[in-house]
Protein backbone atom coordinates (compact mmCIF):
# COMPACT_ATOMS: atom_id res chain seq x y z
CA MET A 1 2.16 0.49 -37.05
CA ASN A 2 -0.80 1.65 -35.75
CA PRO A 3 -1.05 0.25 -32.28
CA LYS A 4 -3.92 -0.11 -29.47
CA HIS A 5 -1.75 -0.92 -26.08
CA PHE A 6 1.61 1.24 -26.51
CA ARG A 7 2.73 4.65 -29.08
CA TYR A 8 4.70 4.66 -31.76
CA SER A 9 6.41 7.62 -33.45
CA GLU A 10 8.97 7.42 -36.24
CA ALA A 11 11.57 10.07 -37.34
CA GLY A 12 14.82 10.88 -38.78
CA GLY A 13 15.28 6.62 -39.05
CA VAL A 14 14.48 6.32 -35.23
CA GLY A 15 11.31 4.06 -34.23
CA THR A 16 9.85 4.97 -31.11
CA ILE A 17 7.79 2.53 -29.20
CA ARG A 18 6.26 4.28 -25.60
CA LEU A 19 4.74 1.97 -22.66
CA ASP A 20 1.63 4.22 -21.70
CA ARG A 21 0.49 3.01 -18.59
CA PRO A 22 1.50 5.21 -16.21
CA GLU A 23 -1.03 4.72 -13.94
CA ARG A 24 -0.18 0.59 -13.88
CA LEU A 25 3.20 1.66 -14.19
CA ASN A 26 3.01 0.29 -17.83
CA ALA A 27 2.10 -3.64 -16.70
CA LEU A 28 1.56 -5.42 -19.48
CA THR A 29 -1.14 -7.34 -20.29
CA PHE A 30 -1.86 -10.77 -22.46
CA ASP A 31 -3.25 -8.37 -24.80
CA SER A 32 0.19 -5.40 -24.82
CA TYR A 33 2.20 -8.88 -24.95
CA ALA A 34 0.90 -10.08 -28.05
CA GLU A 35 1.28 -6.35 -29.66
CA LEU A 36 4.50 -6.05 -29.08
CA ARG A 37 5.37 -9.38 -29.88
CA ASP A 38 4.15 -8.53 -33.24
CA ALA A 39 5.33 -4.96 -33.58
CA PHE A 40 9.12 -6.32 -33.17
CA VAL A 41 8.56 -8.75 -36.31
CA THR A 42 6.66 -5.80 -38.44
CA LEU A 43 9.41 -3.75 -37.89
CA ARG A 44 11.68 -5.87 -39.77
CA THR A 45 11.10 -4.53 -43.02
CA ARG A 46 9.92 -1.12 -42.23
CA ASP A 47 12.68 0.08 -43.91
CA SER A 48 11.93 3.47 -42.97
CA VAL A 49 13.15 2.32 -38.90
CA ARG A 50 16.87 2.05 -38.65
CA CYS A 51 17.14 1.94 -34.75
CA VAL A 52 14.10 1.83 -32.32
CA VAL A 53 13.70 3.03 -29.21
CA ILE A 54 11.38 1.52 -26.59
CA THR A 55 11.07 3.69 -23.44
CA GLY A 56 7.71 4.14 -21.03
CA THR A 57 5.52 7.03 -19.82
CA GLY A 58 5.39 8.58 -16.27
CA ARG A 59 7.65 6.66 -13.21
CA ALA A 60 8.43 3.22 -14.49
CA PHE A 61 10.08 1.93 -17.97
CA CYS A 62 7.87 -1.42 -17.01
CA THR A 63 6.53 -3.58 -13.95
CA GLY A 64 5.83 -6.58 -15.64
CA GLY A 65 2.72 -8.32 -16.14
CA ASP A 66 -0.24 -6.99 -14.22
CA VAL A 67 -1.16 -8.18 -11.33
CA LYS A 68 -5.26 -8.03 -11.92
CA ASP A 69 -4.79 -8.38 -15.76
CA ILE A 70 -2.19 -11.37 -16.08
CA ILE A 71 -0.87 -13.02 -12.91
CA GLY A 72 -4.54 -13.30 -11.20
CA LYS A 73 -6.41 -15.00 -14.63
CA LEU A 74 -3.16 -17.55 -15.04
CA PHE A 75 -4.54 -19.31 -11.66
CA GLY A 76 -7.67 -20.40 -13.80
CA LYS A 77 -5.62 -21.74 -16.38
CA SER A 78 -5.19 -25.25 -17.89
CA GLU A 79 -0.97 -26.89 -18.13
CA ALA A 80 -0.90 -25.60 -21.99
CA GLU A 81 -2.81 -22.73 -21.07
CA LEU A 82 0.25 -21.53 -19.21
CA LEU A 83 2.93 -22.91 -21.73
CA ALA A 84 0.77 -21.45 -24.78
CA PHE A 85 1.56 -17.56 -22.62
CA THR A 86 4.96 -18.10 -21.20
CA ARG A 87 5.96 -19.19 -25.13
CA MET A 88 3.96 -16.06 -25.96
CA THR A 89 6.59 -13.71 -23.66
CA CYS A 90 9.27 -15.78 -24.92
CA ASP A 91 8.78 -14.57 -28.29
CA LEU A 92 8.58 -11.32 -27.70
CA ILE A 93 12.01 -11.49 -26.28
CA GLY A 94 12.81 -13.84 -29.49
CA ASN A 95 11.39 -11.16 -32.18
CA MET A 96 13.48 -8.02 -30.39
CA ARG A 97 17.10 -10.08 -30.14
CA ALA A 98 16.17 -12.01 -33.89
CA LEU A 99 15.39 -7.81 -35.28
CA GLU A 100 18.25 -6.91 -37.03
CA LYS A 101 18.27 -3.52 -36.00
CA PRO A 102 19.61 -1.75 -32.97
CA ILE A 103 17.50 -1.52 -29.66
CA VAL A 104 17.99 0.96 -27.41
CA ALA A 105 16.58 0.65 -24.28
CA ALA A 106 15.15 4.47 -23.03
CA LEU A 107 14.80 3.25 -18.47
CA ASN A 108 12.85 6.05 -17.44
CA GLY A 109 12.03 4.19 -14.06
CA THR A 110 11.43 1.05 -11.86
CA THR A 111 12.43 -1.65 -14.38
CA CYS A 112 11.39 -5.09 -13.02
CA GLY A 113 9.95 -8.84 -13.86
CA ALA A 114 9.26 -8.68 -17.75
CA GLY A 115 10.00 -5.29 -17.79
CA ALA A 116 13.39 -6.34 -16.75
CA VAL A 117 13.98 -8.89 -19.66
CA ILE A 118 13.19 -6.33 -22.45
CA ALA A 119 15.45 -4.33 -21.21
CA ALA A 120 17.88 -7.13 -20.79
CA ALA A 121 16.96 -7.80 -24.41
CA ALA A 122 17.58 -4.30 -26.08
CA ASP A 123 21.46 -3.90 -27.50
CA LEU A 124 21.95 -1.07 -25.06
CA ARG A 125 20.40 0.45 -22.22
CA VAL A 126 20.76 4.25 -21.12
CA ALA A 127 18.91 4.56 -18.03
CA ALA A 128 17.63 7.28 -15.53
CA GLU A 129 18.94 7.65 -12.26
CA SER A 130 15.68 6.82 -11.04
CA ALA A 131 15.79 3.33 -13.16
CA LYS A 132 16.09 0.60 -10.19
CA ILE A 133 16.02 -2.59 -12.13
CA ALA A 134 15.38 -6.30 -10.24
CA PHE A 135 14.67 -9.20 -11.61
CA LEU A 136 12.32 -9.89 -9.55
CA PHE A 137 10.69 -13.99 -10.35
CA VAL A 138 11.94 -15.80 -7.26
CA LYS A 139 10.31 -13.33 -5.38
CA VAL A 140 7.52 -13.97 -6.63
CA GLY A 141 7.34 -18.11 -6.37
CA LEU A 142 9.05 -18.50 -9.51
CA SER A 143 12.21 -19.54 -11.66
CA GLY A 144 14.82 -16.66 -12.43
CA ALA A 145 15.25 -18.26 -15.47
CA ASP A 146 11.93 -17.03 -17.32
CA MET A 147 12.12 -14.98 -20.73
CA GLY A 148 15.93 -15.85 -21.30
CA ALA A 149 16.93 -13.68 -18.95
CA ALA A 150 19.34 -16.88 -17.83
CA TRP A 151 20.90 -16.60 -21.32
CA LEU A 152 20.68 -13.28 -21.88
CA LEU A 153 21.96 -11.35 -18.21
CA PRO A 154 25.03 -13.57 -17.90
CA ARG A 155 26.28 -12.52 -21.35
CA ILE A 156 25.86 -9.37 -19.92
CA VAL A 157 27.48 -9.03 -16.53
CA GLY A 158 29.13 -12.27 -15.72
CA PHE A 159 27.94 -15.53 -15.02
CA GLY A 160 28.48 -14.67 -11.17
CA LEU A 161 26.50 -11.25 -10.98
CA ALA A 162 23.62 -12.50 -13.22
CA SER A 163 23.00 -15.41 -10.52
CA GLU A 164 23.14 -13.11 -7.99
CA LEU A 165 20.69 -10.98 -9.79
CA LEU A 166 18.34 -13.85 -10.74
CA MET A 167 18.61 -15.69 -7.54
CA LEU A 168 18.16 -12.85 -5.15
CA GLY A 169 15.45 -11.03 -7.18
CA GLU A 170 16.24 -7.71 -5.56
CA PHE A 171 16.70 -4.07 -6.57
CA ILE A 172 19.59 -2.63 -7.66
CA ASP A 173 19.90 1.20 -8.40
CA ALA A 174 21.10 2.80 -11.06
CA ARG A 175 24.77 3.38 -10.57
CA ARG A 176 25.02 -0.17 -9.24
CA ALA A 177 23.26 -1.24 -12.47
CA GLU A 178 25.94 0.70 -14.86
CA ARG A 179 29.48 0.33 -12.89
CA ILE A 180 28.30 -3.80 -13.73
CA GLY A 181 27.70 -3.20 -17.45
CA LEU A 182 23.74 -3.60 -17.23
CA TYR A 183 23.19 0.32 -17.97
CA ASN A 184 25.34 1.24 -20.75
CA GLN A 185 24.58 5.19 -19.13
CA VAL A 186 22.99 6.81 -16.57
CA VAL A 187 21.66 10.19 -17.23
CA PRO A 188 19.69 12.72 -14.83
CA ASP A 189 16.05 12.10 -15.06
CA ALA A 190 15.05 15.00 -17.23
CA GLU A 191 18.09 14.05 -19.67
CA LEU A 192 16.92 10.45 -20.84
CA GLU A 193 14.69 11.18 -23.91
CA GLY A 194 17.67 13.51 -25.59
CA ALA A 195 20.52 11.06 -24.49
CA ALA A 196 18.79 8.14 -25.93
CA LEU A 197 17.66 9.81 -28.87
CA VAL A 198 21.05 10.74 -29.93
CA LEU A 199 22.03 7.38 -29.27
CA ALA A 200 19.60 6.04 -31.33
CA ARG A 201 20.55 8.75 -33.91
CA LYS A 202 24.20 7.45 -34.15
CA LEU A 203 23.17 4.27 -34.51
CA ALA A 204 20.14 4.89 -37.53
CA ALA A 205 23.23 7.16 -38.91
CA GLY A 206 25.13 3.93 -38.92
CA THR A 207 26.06 1.11 -41.75
CA THR A 208 22.87 -0.81 -42.56
CA ARG A 209 24.44 -4.06 -42.91
CA GLY A 210 27.43 -3.86 -41.11
CA LEU A 211 24.71 -3.04 -37.70
CA ALA A 212 22.57 -6.35 -39.08
CA VAL A 213 24.94 -8.04 -39.36
CA THR A 214 26.87 -7.59 -35.76
CA LYS A 215 23.89 -8.48 -34.22
CA ARG A 216 22.99 -11.77 -35.89
CA MET A 217 26.96 -12.77 -34.80
CA LEU A 218 26.65 -11.39 -31.28
CA ASN A 219 23.70 -13.86 -31.32
CA ALA A 220 25.38 -16.89 -33.13
CA GLU A 221 29.04 -16.42 -31.57
CA ALA A 222 27.58 -17.26 -28.06
CA HIS A 223 27.07 -21.05 -29.48
CA MET A 224 30.06 -21.31 -31.34
CA THR A 225 33.70 -22.60 -30.83
CA LEU A 226 36.57 -19.73 -31.34
CA GLU A 227 37.39 -21.72 -34.73
CA GLN A 228 33.87 -21.67 -35.70
CA ALA A 229 33.46 -17.84 -35.13
CA LEU A 230 36.40 -17.15 -36.72
CA GLN A 231 35.33 -18.95 -39.84
CA ALA A 232 31.59 -17.70 -39.42
CA GLU A 233 33.32 -14.08 -39.32
CA GLY A 234 35.72 -14.37 -42.18
CA TRP A 235 33.40 -15.29 -44.24
CA ILE A 236 30.67 -12.57 -43.33
CA GLN A 237 33.02 -9.89 -43.14
CA ALA A 238 34.20 -10.96 -47.24
CA VAL A 239 30.41 -10.38 -47.88
CA CYS A 240 30.52 -6.96 -46.32
CA MET A 241 33.49 -5.96 -47.92
CA GLN A 242 30.81 -6.18 -51.41
CA HIS A 243 28.22 -3.73 -50.02
CA PRO A 244 28.11 0.28 -50.95
CA ASP A 245 28.54 0.99 -47.37
CA TYR A 246 32.63 0.01 -47.77
CA ARG A 247 33.12 2.22 -50.72
CA GLU A 248 31.26 4.67 -49.29
CA ALA A 249 33.97 5.03 -46.18
CA TYR A 250 36.35 4.69 -47.76
CA GLU A 251 35.72 7.46 -50.49
CA ALA A 252 34.47 9.61 -47.36
CA PHE A 253 37.96 9.10 -45.55
CA LEU A 254 39.66 10.40 -49.41
CA ALA A 255 37.43 13.27 -48.87
CA LYS A 256 37.89 14.28 -45.33
CA ARG A 257 33.85 14.18 -45.10
CA ALA A 258 31.25 12.43 -42.81
CA PRO A 259 30.38 8.77 -44.93
CA ASP A 260 26.51 8.63 -45.56
CA PHE A 261 25.43 5.48 -45.11
CA VAL A 262 21.82 6.50 -45.05
CA LYS A 263 21.95 7.00 -48.92
CA HIS A 264 22.04 3.08 -49.18
CA ALA A 265 19.90 1.82 -46.67
CA PRO A 266 16.54 -0.25 -48.31
CA GLY A 267 13.92 2.41 -48.76
CA ALA A 268 15.80 5.42 -46.47
CA ARG A 269 15.80 8.39 -48.38
CA ALA A 270 12.28 8.56 -49.22
CA ALA A 271 11.99 8.16 -45.79
CA GLU A 272 13.84 10.99 -44.47
CA PRO A 273 11.97 14.12 -43.67
CA ALA A 274 12.62 17.30 -45.67
CA ARG A 275 15.55 18.92 -44.66
């Protein structure tokens, strides 16, 4: 991982992606979209990473596509070129959901447009009190259904609230976002990084197989009937019962200690920092 359009770091099983164009409110370019899309593919096989945090630098998490570098240039594109661009943005969200590792979005400020959908595609969202959010596509003459927003948002906040957020495209503040379930946690701005890391480290210490399967089933069961979901969960749980993490949890309970799931994570021990 040697990105050119964002910063990346790792520690203790947590990989951190930091959008770093504070002078442009972390707006995305064609190149940064593509690099983010590819990064979430790379992270699938990066054994040293068991949880991912995505955040921003400065006053914004991400304000979507850059007005000069993307929006202005799209007017000269053909229909095929426009479709290639929108497919790329959708692939970024698809790759986030396909990554079978928890993703925590640490929302440090203004979050809108594509930035709002990136936040929604994360598994958990921790926000600073300043982190207002808007799915503002209709405000710029586009469909509110963009980058999977109309699939993701109803599953987070419900159909009625998703309709409001996508059809009005207006900003809501952090406390309202927390009340409706869009944010999992809201903290003072100065505490955001610490709060996100606490959550990410807790997830990184969890059962790698169990968390991967949980995310996989959350994605898959959106399309299943109850009967299909019960069949799928029965099968996958039986598979998980054969994994070493299940025995580790049992032995830890008997020994009255915390379970060590990290020792069974692929390649994790070699990647752990010296203690």
